[in-house]
Each structure stands twice: as C-alpha cells, then as structure tokens.
Amino acid sequence: MADVKTTAVAEENVTSMDSKTPVEKYKNLLLILLGLVTLGIAGYFYYQYTLEESNEEAANAIYPAVYFFEQDSLDKALKGDGKVLGLLDISETYSGTKTGKLAHFYTGVIYLKQGKFEEAISHLNDFSSSDYLLQARAYSLIGDANSELEKYDEAASYYKKAADYKPNEQFTPVYLMKLALAYESLKENKKASDTYDIILTKYPKSPELNDAKKYKARVDALVTE
C-alpha cells in the first residue's frame, strides 16, 4: 500500500509541474538571468566610466614625455625625469587606454632609433589604432626593424600591411617602395617589379615615381635574364 501511495503522490507532483506555465516553471532561472544581465550592463558602464577617466589622466601624463621625445631627450622620454612619468611607466600604468597604446608607439620609435630592434618590434606590436596614419606607420616601422635584423620575409609582410591599410596618396607609395626593396632583398624580382608597377599606375604624382621607374627597369632586367 505504501508503494501505491508513494507512486500516487509522485504522479500528483508531476501533474502539478506539468500544469505550470513555462514562466512559472523557470521563474527562478529567469530572475537569475535577468540579474546577471543587469550586472553585466552595470559593469560595462562602470568600465567605460573608469576607462574614460583613465584616458584623461593618461593624456595629461604623456605630455611631458612627448615633449622630451620631441627635444630628442630619448632617455628622459622613456624613463621620465623623477618628476614626471616616462613612456615605459605610462604604457604599463595606463595599459588598455588610447594613451597607453600611444606610449607603446613612441617607445617603439625610440628603441628603433637606438638600434634596439627587438624591443622596438615588441612595443610597436602592442600599439593599435584606428587612425589611418599612425597604424600604417607602426606597421612600416616594424618592417624597418625587421629589415635591420635582415628578416626580410617579416619586413615585407609588415610593409604590405602598411601599404594595404587605408591607402592614401601621401604615404602609401613610400610603403610600397619599402615593400619592393624588401622583395629585392629576397631575390623575388617579379614581386618587386609588380610592386613598382603599382606606384607607376596608381600613384603617378608621388615623389617616389622616378625611383620606382628606375628600380623597376633594374629588376625587370634581372627577371628577363
């Protein structure tokens, strides 16, 4: 009898659960999910608020370092002067902010000037921007550092990134020239010739035009040999 009664109670519970609407069944779960979504939205806005504050603070902090950079006081630009932060500290303290990333860019340029090519590549790779000039410039500088290290494959890869990134009349021909010269260093003369051709056809008013004509004639002679 006990088993029959237990079975009857169980069946009654199942029937009761089945009679509930989906909202009633999963009310607690829905409340939990709603709470998580609310927390996520609040967290996002708090992050944006703190990031905006950090960006403003970082922008104020980087001015002295940029001034030292422009005065060619490269060590002070990197490390500060004891009163203000240098680019290295700024890139770490304000990592994730636009100014923190910009500090990586300046640091990469300084290390490139100092012949510290691996360090330059590392910092320039930590830089990213939607700005069509600076991002392409960073790619080109990484190409320069790799060229100095005689890593011409990697140099060509970054010069191509620079040339392909939001092409423009002013800087793209410069990056294409560097790309073609990297191909020449790799003995890939056909690719070099094709790259010079891009300058001749797409950028006929660029200052690089005459060099592109001259260098193309040189590599074309090698291709036909």
C-alpha atoms as a PDB file:
ATOM      1  CA  MET A   1       0.000   0.000   0.000  1.00  0.00           C
ATOM      2  CA  ALA A   2       2.863   2.345   0.870  1.00  0.00           C
ATOM      3  CA  ASP A   3       4.338   1.930  -2.620  1.00  0.00           C
ATOM      4  CA  VAL A   4       0.984   2.667  -4.222  1.00  0.00           C
ATOM      5  CA  LYS A   5       0.564   5.797  -2.078  1.00  0.00           C
ATOM      6  CA  THR A   6       4.114   6.990  -2.873  1.00  0.00           C
ATOM      7  CA  THR A   7       3.520   6.439  -6.572  1.00  0.00           C
ATOM      8  CA  ALA A   8       0.267   8.378  -6.383  1.00  0.00           C
ATOM      9  CA  VAL A   9       1.988  11.325  -4.669  1.00  0.00           C
ATOM     10  CA  ALA A  10       4.773  11.337  -7.269  1.00  0.00           C
ATOM     11  CA  GLU A  11       2.263  11.265 -10.103  1.00  0.00           C
ATOM     12  CA  GLU A  12       0.383  14.135  -8.450  1.00  0.00           C
ATOM     13  CA  ASN A  13       3.612  16.186  -8.264  1.00  0.00           C
ATOM     14  CA  VAL A  14       4.409  15.540 -11.935  1.00  0.00           C
ATOM     15  CA  THR A  15       0.875  16.504 -12.921  1.00  0.00           C
ATOM     16  CA  SER A  16       1.173  19.656 -10.831  1.00  0.00           C
ATOM     17  CA  MET A  17       4.504  20.589 -12.508  1.00  0.00           C
ATOM     18  CA  ASP A  18       3.109  19.908 -15.965  1.00  0.00           C
ATOM     19  CA  SER A  19       0.184  22.207 -15.281  1.00  0.00           C
ATOM     20  CA  LYS A  20       2.537  25.184 -14.644  1.00  0.00           C
ATOM     21  CA  THR A  21       3.297  27.636 -17.448  1.00  0.00           C
ATOM     22  CA  PRO A  22       6.888  27.884 -18.747  1.00  0.00           C
ATOM     23  CA  VAL A  23       7.286  31.205 -16.890  1.00  0.00           C
ATOM     24  CA  GLU A  24       6.172  29.642 -13.623  1.00  0.00           C
ATOM     25  CA  LYS A  25       8.448  26.643 -14.119  1.00  0.00           C
ATOM     26  CA  TYR A  26      11.534  28.697 -14.852  1.00  0.00           C
ATOM     27  CA  LYS A  27      10.754  31.817 -12.853  1.00  0.00           C
ATOM     28  CA  ASN A  28      13.806  31.490 -10.625  1.00  0.00           C
ATOM     29  CA  LEU A  29      16.075  30.817 -13.586  1.00  0.00           C
ATOM     30  CA  LEU A  30      14.691  33.842 -15.428  1.00  0.00           C
ATOM     31  CA  LEU A  31      15.257  36.024 -12.357  1.00  0.00           C
ATOM     32  CA  ILE A  32      18.858  34.823 -12.104  1.00  0.00           C
ATOM     33  CA  LEU A  33      19.468  35.509 -15.792  1.00  0.00           C
ATOM     34  CA  LEU A  34      17.890  38.951 -15.502  1.00  0.00           C
ATOM     35  CA  GLY A  35      20.156  39.702 -12.540  1.00  0.00           C
ATOM     36  CA  LEU A  36      23.231  38.614 -14.484  1.00  0.00           C
ATOM     37  CA  VAL A  37      22.268  40.781 -17.461  1.00  0.00           C
ATOM     38  CA  THR A  38      21.695  43.758 -15.149  1.00  0.00           C
ATOM     39  CA  LEU A  39      25.079  43.224 -13.509  1.00  0.00           C
ATOM     40  CA  GLY A  40      26.722  42.918 -16.928  1.00  0.00           C
ATOM     41  CA  ILE A  41      25.222  46.209 -18.137  1.00  0.00           C
ATOM     42  CA  ALA A  42      26.187  47.978 -14.916  1.00  0.00           C
ATOM     43  CA  GLY A  43      29.703  46.557 -15.149  1.00  0.00           C
ATOM     44  CA  TYR A  44      30.037  47.706 -18.761  1.00  0.00           C
ATOM     45  CA  PHE A  45      29.049  51.301 -17.959  1.00  0.00           C
ATOM     46  CA  TYR A  46      31.325  51.343 -14.910  1.00  0.00           C
ATOM     47  CA  TYR A  47      34.209  50.083 -17.065  1.00  0.00           C
ATOM     48  CA  GLN A  48      33.535  52.752 -19.688  1.00  0.00           C
ATOM     49  CA  TYR A  49      33.398  55.434 -16.998  1.00  0.00           C
ATOM     50  CA  THR A  50      36.678  54.384 -15.360  1.00  0.00           C
ATOM     51  CA  LEU A  51      38.319  53.941 -18.773  1.00  0.00           C
ATOM     52  CA  GLU A  52      37.309  57.468 -19.758  1.00  0.00           C
ATOM     53  CA  GLU A  53      38.783  58.818 -16.519  1.00  0.00           C
ATOM     54  CA  SER A  54      41.976  56.810 -17.056  1.00  0.00           C
ATOM     55  CA  ASN A  55      42.241  58.097 -20.631  1.00  0.00           C
ATOM     56  CA  GLU A  56      42.041  61.703 -19.437  1.00  0.00           C
ATOM     57  CA  GLU A  57      44.585  61.110 -16.696  1.00  0.00           C
ATOM     58  CA  ALA A  58      46.903  59.287 -19.099  1.00  0.00           C
ATOM     59  CA  ALA A  59      46.623  62.062 -21.704  1.00  0.00           C
ATOM     60  CA  ASN A  60      47.834  64.569 -19.107  1.00  0.00           C
ATOM     61  CA  ALA A  61      50.651  62.255 -18.046  1.00  0.00           C
ATOM     62  CA  ILE A  62      52.056  61.706 -21.541  1.00  0.00           C
ATOM     63  CA  TYR A  63      52.552  65.373 -22.499  1.00  0.00           C
ATOM     64  CA  PRO A  64      55.919  65.795 -20.714  1.00  0.00           C
ATOM     65  CA  ALA A  65      57.208  62.512 -22.172  1.00  0.00           C
ATOM     66  CA  VAL A  66      56.238  63.582 -25.683  1.00  0.00           C
ATOM     67  CA  TYR A  67      57.958  66.927 -25.083  1.00  0.00           C
ATOM     68  CA  PHE A  68      61.173  65.088 -24.124  1.00  0.00           C
ATOM     69  CA  PHE A  69      60.761  62.929 -27.251  1.00  0.00           C
ATOM     70  CA  GLU A  70      60.434  65.992 -29.477  1.00  0.00           C
ATOM     71  CA  GLN A  71      63.529  67.512 -27.844  1.00  0.00           C
ATOM     72  CA  ASP A  72      65.383  64.269 -28.621  1.00  0.00           C
ATOM     73  CA  SER A  73      65.882  63.598 -24.898  1.00  0.00           C
ATOM     74  CA  LEU A  74      65.123  59.961 -25.502  1.00  0.00           C
ATOM     75  CA  ASP A  75      66.157  58.532 -22.120  1.00  0.00           C
ATOM     76  CA  LYS A  76      64.009  61.091 -20.307  1.00  0.00           C
ATOM     77  CA  ALA A  77      61.143  60.345 -22.667  1.00  0.00           C
ATOM     78  CA  LEU A  78      61.425  56.646 -21.828  1.00  0.00           C
ATOM     79  CA  LYS A  79      62.027  56.846 -18.083  1.00  0.00           C
ATOM     80  CA  GLY A  80      60.898  60.306 -17.020  1.00  0.00           C
ATOM     81  CA  ASP A  81      62.987  62.786 -15.045  1.00  0.00           C
ATOM     82  CA  GLY A  82      61.981  61.863 -11.498  1.00  0.00           C
ATOM     83  CA  LYS A  83      59.127  64.359 -11.532  1.00  0.00           C
ATOM     84  CA  VAL A  84      57.014  63.046 -14.393  1.00  0.00           C
ATOM     85  CA  LEU A  85      56.394  59.558 -15.749  1.00  0.00           C
ATOM     86  CA  GLY A  86      58.248  58.249 -18.761  1.00  0.00           C
ATOM     87  CA  LEU A  87      56.718  56.354 -21.655  1.00  0.00           C
ATOM     88  CA  LEU A  88      57.580  52.941 -20.200  1.00  0.00           C
ATOM     89  CA  ASP A  89      55.651  53.633 -16.989  1.00  0.00           C
ATOM     90  CA  ILE A  90      52.781  55.233 -18.870  1.00  0.00           C
ATOM     91  CA  SER A  91      52.375  52.226 -21.167  1.00  0.00           C
ATOM     92  CA  GLU A  92      52.098  49.958 -18.108  1.00  0.00           C
ATOM     93  CA  THR A  93      50.138  52.207 -15.755  1.00  0.00           C
ATOM     94  CA  TYR A  94      47.540  53.091 -18.387  1.00  0.00           C
ATOM     95  CA  SER A  95      47.547  49.885 -20.406  1.00  0.00           C
ATOM     96  CA  GLY A  96      44.310  49.469 -22.315  1.00  0.00           C
ATOM     97  CA  THR A  97      43.819  53.204 -22.803  1.00  0.00           C
ATOM     98  CA  LYS A  98      44.458  55.006 -26.073  1.00  0.00           C
ATOM     99  CA  THR A  99      47.257  56.977 -24.436  1.00  0.00           C
ATOM    100  CA  GLY A 100      48.829  53.809 -23.035  1.00  0.00           C
ATOM    101  CA  LYS A 101      48.910  52.366 -26.546  1.00  0.00           C
ATOM    102  CA  LEU A 102      50.334  55.602 -27.912  1.00  0.00           C
ATOM    103  CA  ALA A 103      53.117  55.339 -25.313  1.00  0.00           C
ATOM    104  CA  HIS A 104      53.999  51.956 -26.852  1.00  0.00           C
ATOM    105  CA  PHE A 105      54.234  53.646 -30.263  1.00  0.00           C
ATOM    106  CA  TYR A 106      56.637  56.340 -29.062  1.00  0.00           C
ATOM    107  CA  THR A 107      58.662  53.755 -27.146  1.00  0.00           C
ATOM    108  CA  GLY A 108      58.967  51.628 -30.279  1.00  0.00           C
ATOM    109  CA  VAL A 109      60.205  54.621 -32.270  1.00  0.00           C
ATOM    110  CA  ILE A 110      62.822  55.422 -29.611  1.00  0.00           C
ATOM    111  CA  TYR A 111      64.110  51.848 -29.469  1.00  0.00           C
ATOM    112  CA  LEU A 112      64.318  51.811 -33.259  1.00  0.00           C
ATOM    113  CA  LYS A 113      66.425  54.988 -33.156  1.00  0.00           C
ATOM    114  CA  GLN A 114      68.629  53.389 -30.505  1.00  0.00           C
ATOM    115  CA  GLY A 115      69.148  50.248 -32.566  1.00  0.00           C
ATOM    116  CA  LYS A 116      67.203  48.051 -30.137  1.00  0.00           C
ATOM    117  CA  PHE A 117      65.209  46.409 -32.876  1.00  0.00           C
ATOM    118  CA  GLU A 118      63.631  43.503 -30.993  1.00  0.00           C
ATOM    119  CA  GLU A 119      62.389  45.866 -28.266  1.00  0.00           C
ATOM    120  CA  ALA A 120      61.076  48.221 -30.937  1.00  0.00           C
ATOM    121  CA  ILE A 121      59.092  45.419 -32.571  1.00  0.00           C
ATOM    122  CA  SER A 122      57.648  44.323 -29.234  1.00  0.00           C
ATOM    123  CA  HIS A 123      56.348  47.785 -28.330  1.00  0.00           C
ATOM    124  CA  LEU A 124      55.094  48.618 -31.805  1.00  0.00           C
ATOM    125  CA  ASN A 125      53.147  45.361 -31.842  1.00  0.00           C
ATOM    126  CA  ASP A 126      51.474  46.476 -28.605  1.00  0.00           C
ATOM    127  CA  PHE A 127      50.228  49.597 -30.368  1.00  0.00           C
ATOM    128  CA  SER A 128      46.900  49.633 -32.174  1.00  0.00           C
ATOM    129  CA  SER A 129      44.799  52.467 -33.507  1.00  0.00           C
ATOM    130  CA  SER A 130      42.014  53.161 -35.961  1.00  0.00           C
ATOM    131  CA  ASP A 131      43.955  56.224 -37.109  1.00  0.00           C
ATOM    132  CA  TYR A 132      44.889  55.614 -40.747  1.00  0.00           C
ATOM    133  CA  LEU A 133      48.240  57.390 -40.446  1.00  0.00           C
ATOM    134  CA  LEU A 134      49.597  56.053 -37.160  1.00  0.00           C
ATOM    135  CA  GLN A 135      48.581  52.413 -37.597  1.00  0.00           C
ATOM    136  CA  ALA A 136      50.109  52.189 -41.065  1.00  0.00           C
ATOM    137  CA  ARG A 137      53.186  53.991 -39.746  1.00  0.00           C
ATOM    138  CA  ALA A 138      53.524  51.442 -36.947  1.00  0.00           C
ATOM    139  CA  TYR A 139      53.389  48.570 -39.458  1.00  0.00           C
ATOM    140  CA  SER A 140      56.060  50.275 -41.561  1.00  0.00           C
ATOM    141  CA  LEU A 141      58.321  50.815 -38.537  1.00  0.00           C
ATOM    142  CA  ILE A 142      58.028  47.132 -37.618  1.00  0.00           C
ATOM    143  CA  GLY A 143      59.070  46.430 -41.199  1.00  0.00           C
ATOM    144  CA  ASP A 144      62.077  48.740 -40.743  1.00  0.00           C
ATOM    145  CA  ALA A 145      63.138  46.960 -37.558  1.00  0.00           C
ATOM    146  CA  ASN A 146      62.876  43.564 -39.265  1.00  0.00           C
ATOM    147  CA  SER A 147      64.859  44.877 -42.226  1.00  0.00           C
ATOM    148  CA  GLU A 148      67.617  45.958 -39.844  1.00  0.00           C
ATOM    149  CA  LEU A 149      67.598  42.425 -38.448  1.00  0.00           C
ATOM    150  CA  GLU A 150      67.743  41.117 -42.047  1.00  0.00           C
ATOM    151  CA  LYS A 151      64.418  39.352 -41.562  1.00  0.00           C
ATOM    152  CA  TYR A 152      63.195  40.393 -44.972  1.00  0.00           C
ATOM    153  CA  ASP A 153      60.240  37.994 -45.100  1.00  0.00           C
ATOM    154  CA  GLU A 154      58.760  39.569 -41.984  1.00  0.00           C
ATOM    155  CA  ALA A 155      59.718  43.039 -43.169  1.00  0.00           C
ATOM    156  CA  ALA A 156      57.866  42.503 -46.447  1.00  0.00           C
ATOM    157  CA  SER A 157      54.820  41.242 -44.555  1.00  0.00           C
ATOM    158  CA  TYR A 158      54.617  44.411 -42.453  1.00  0.00           C
ATOM    159  CA  TYR A 159      55.356  46.763 -45.344  1.00  0.00           C
ATOM    160  CA  LYS A 160      52.465  45.137 -47.202  1.00  0.00           C
ATOM    161  CA  LYS A 161      50.229  45.670 -44.169  1.00  0.00           C
ATOM    162  CA  ALA A 162      51.249  49.321 -44.141  1.00  0.00           C
ATOM    163  CA  ALA A 163      50.576  49.726 -47.867  1.00  0.00           C
ATOM    164  CA  ASP A 164      47.203  47.961 -47.675  1.00  0.00           C
ATOM    165  CA  TYR A 165      45.982  49.839 -44.600  1.00  0.00           C
ATOM    166  CA  LYS A 166      43.672  52.646 -45.772  1.00  0.00           C
ATOM    167  CA  PRO A 167      45.745  53.577 -48.858  1.00  0.00           C
ATOM    168  CA  ASN A 168      46.418  57.268 -49.484  1.00  0.00           C
ATOM    169  CA  GLU A 169      48.410  59.390 -51.914  1.00  0.00           C
ATOM    170  CA  GLN A 170      50.884  60.699 -49.360  1.00  0.00           C
ATOM    171  CA  PHE A 171      52.270  57.647 -47.569  1.00  0.00           C
ATOM    172  CA  THR A 172      51.232  54.503 -49.430  1.00  0.00           C
ATOM    173  CA  PRO A 173      53.837  54.969 -52.226  1.00  0.00           C
ATOM    174  CA  VAL A 174      56.550  55.168 -49.544  1.00  0.00           C
ATOM    175  CA  TYR A 175      55.429  51.865 -48.042  1.00  0.00           C
ATOM    176  CA  LEU A 176      55.236  50.292 -51.498  1.00  0.00           C
ATOM    177  CA  MET A 177      58.825  51.353 -52.207  1.00  0.00           C
ATOM    178  CA  LYS A 178      59.948  49.706 -48.980  1.00  0.00           C
ATOM    179  CA  LEU A 179      57.958  46.587 -49.850  1.00  0.00           C
ATOM    180  CA  ALA A 180      59.549  46.376 -53.296  1.00  0.00           C
ATOM    181  CA  LEU A 181      63.050  46.779 -51.855  1.00  0.00           C
ATOM    182  CA  ALA A 182      62.320  44.022 -49.318  1.00  0.00           C
ATOM    183  CA  TYR A 183      61.276  41.769 -52.214  1.00  0.00           C
ATOM    184  CA  GLU A 184      64.536  42.634 -53.966  1.00  0.00           C
ATOM    185  CA  SER A 185      66.460  41.608 -50.850  1.00  0.00           C
ATOM    186  CA  LEU A 186      64.606  38.284 -51.015  1.00  0.00           C
ATOM    187  CA  LYS A 187      65.523  37.943 -54.735  1.00  0.00           C
ATOM    188  CA  GLU A 188      61.812  37.983 -55.541  1.00  0.00           C
ATOM    189  CA  ASN A 189      62.286  40.289 -58.501  1.00  0.00           C
ATOM    190  CA  LYS A 190      58.922  39.649 -60.149  1.00  0.00           C
ATOM    191  CA  LYS A 191      57.109  40.693 -56.974  1.00  0.00           C
ATOM    192  CA  ALA A 192      59.348  43.731 -56.715  1.00  0.00           C
ATOM    193  CA  SER A 193      58.578  44.700 -60.314  1.00  0.00           C
ATOM    194  CA  ASP A 194      54.831  44.289 -59.766  1.00  0.00           C
ATOM    195  CA  THR A 195      55.035  46.473 -56.651  1.00  0.00           C
ATOM    196  CA  TYR A 196      56.871  49.229 -58.511  1.00  0.00           C
ATOM    197  CA  ASP A 197      54.134  48.959 -61.134  1.00  0.00           C
ATOM    198  CA  ILE A 198      51.500  49.791 -58.506  1.00  0.00           C
ATOM    199  CA  ILE A 199      53.290  53.066 -57.797  1.00  0.00           C
ATOM    200  CA  LEU A 200      53.519  53.888 -61.507  1.00  0.00           C
ATOM    201  CA  THR A 201      49.858  53.174 -62.222  1.00  0.00           C
ATOM    202  CA  LYS A 202      48.081  54.218 -59.018  1.00  0.00           C
ATOM    203  CA  TYR A 203      50.336  56.984 -57.706  1.00  0.00           C
ATOM    204  CA  PRO A 204      51.771  58.766 -60.785  1.00  0.00           C
ATOM    205  CA  LYS A 205      52.075  62.079 -58.926  1.00  0.00           C
ATOM    206  CA  SER A 206      54.025  60.721 -55.964  1.00  0.00           C
ATOM    207  CA  PRO A 207      57.634  61.819 -55.300  1.00  0.00           C
ATOM    208  CA  GLU A 208      58.572  58.119 -55.458  1.00  0.00           C
ATOM    209  CA  LEU A 209      57.612  57.868 -59.133  1.00  0.00           C
ATOM    210  CA  ASN A 210      61.068  58.414 -60.643  1.00  0.00           C
ATOM    211  CA  ASP A 211      62.774  55.965 -58.290  1.00  0.00           C
ATOM    212  CA  ALA A 212      60.032  53.438 -58.956  1.00  0.00           C
ATOM    213  CA  LYS A 213      60.662  53.719 -62.724  1.00  0.00           C
ATOM    214  CA  LYS A 214      64.421  53.367 -62.278  1.00  0.00           C
ATOM    215  CA  TYR A 215      64.228  50.422 -59.865  1.00  0.00           C
ATOM    216  CA  LYS A 216      61.597  48.656 -61.947  1.00  0.00           C
ATOM    217  CA  ALA A 217      63.853  48.822 -65.016  1.00  0.00           C
ATOM    218  CA  ARG A 218      66.631  47.295 -62.924  1.00  0.00           C
ATOM    219  CA  VAL A 219      64.613  44.375 -61.606  1.00  0.00           C
ATOM    220  CA  ASP A 220      62.899  43.792 -64.978  1.00  0.00           C
ATOM    221  CA  ALA A 221      66.352  43.247 -66.482  1.00  0.00           C
ATOM    222  CA  LEU A 222      67.016  40.625 -63.817  1.00  0.00           C
ATOM    223  CA  VAL A 223      63.651  38.927 -64.369  1.00  0.00           C
ATOM    224  CA  THR A 224      64.314  38.515 -68.126  1.00  0.00           C
ATOM    225  CA  GLU A 225      67.826  37.127 -67.668  1.00  0.00           C
END
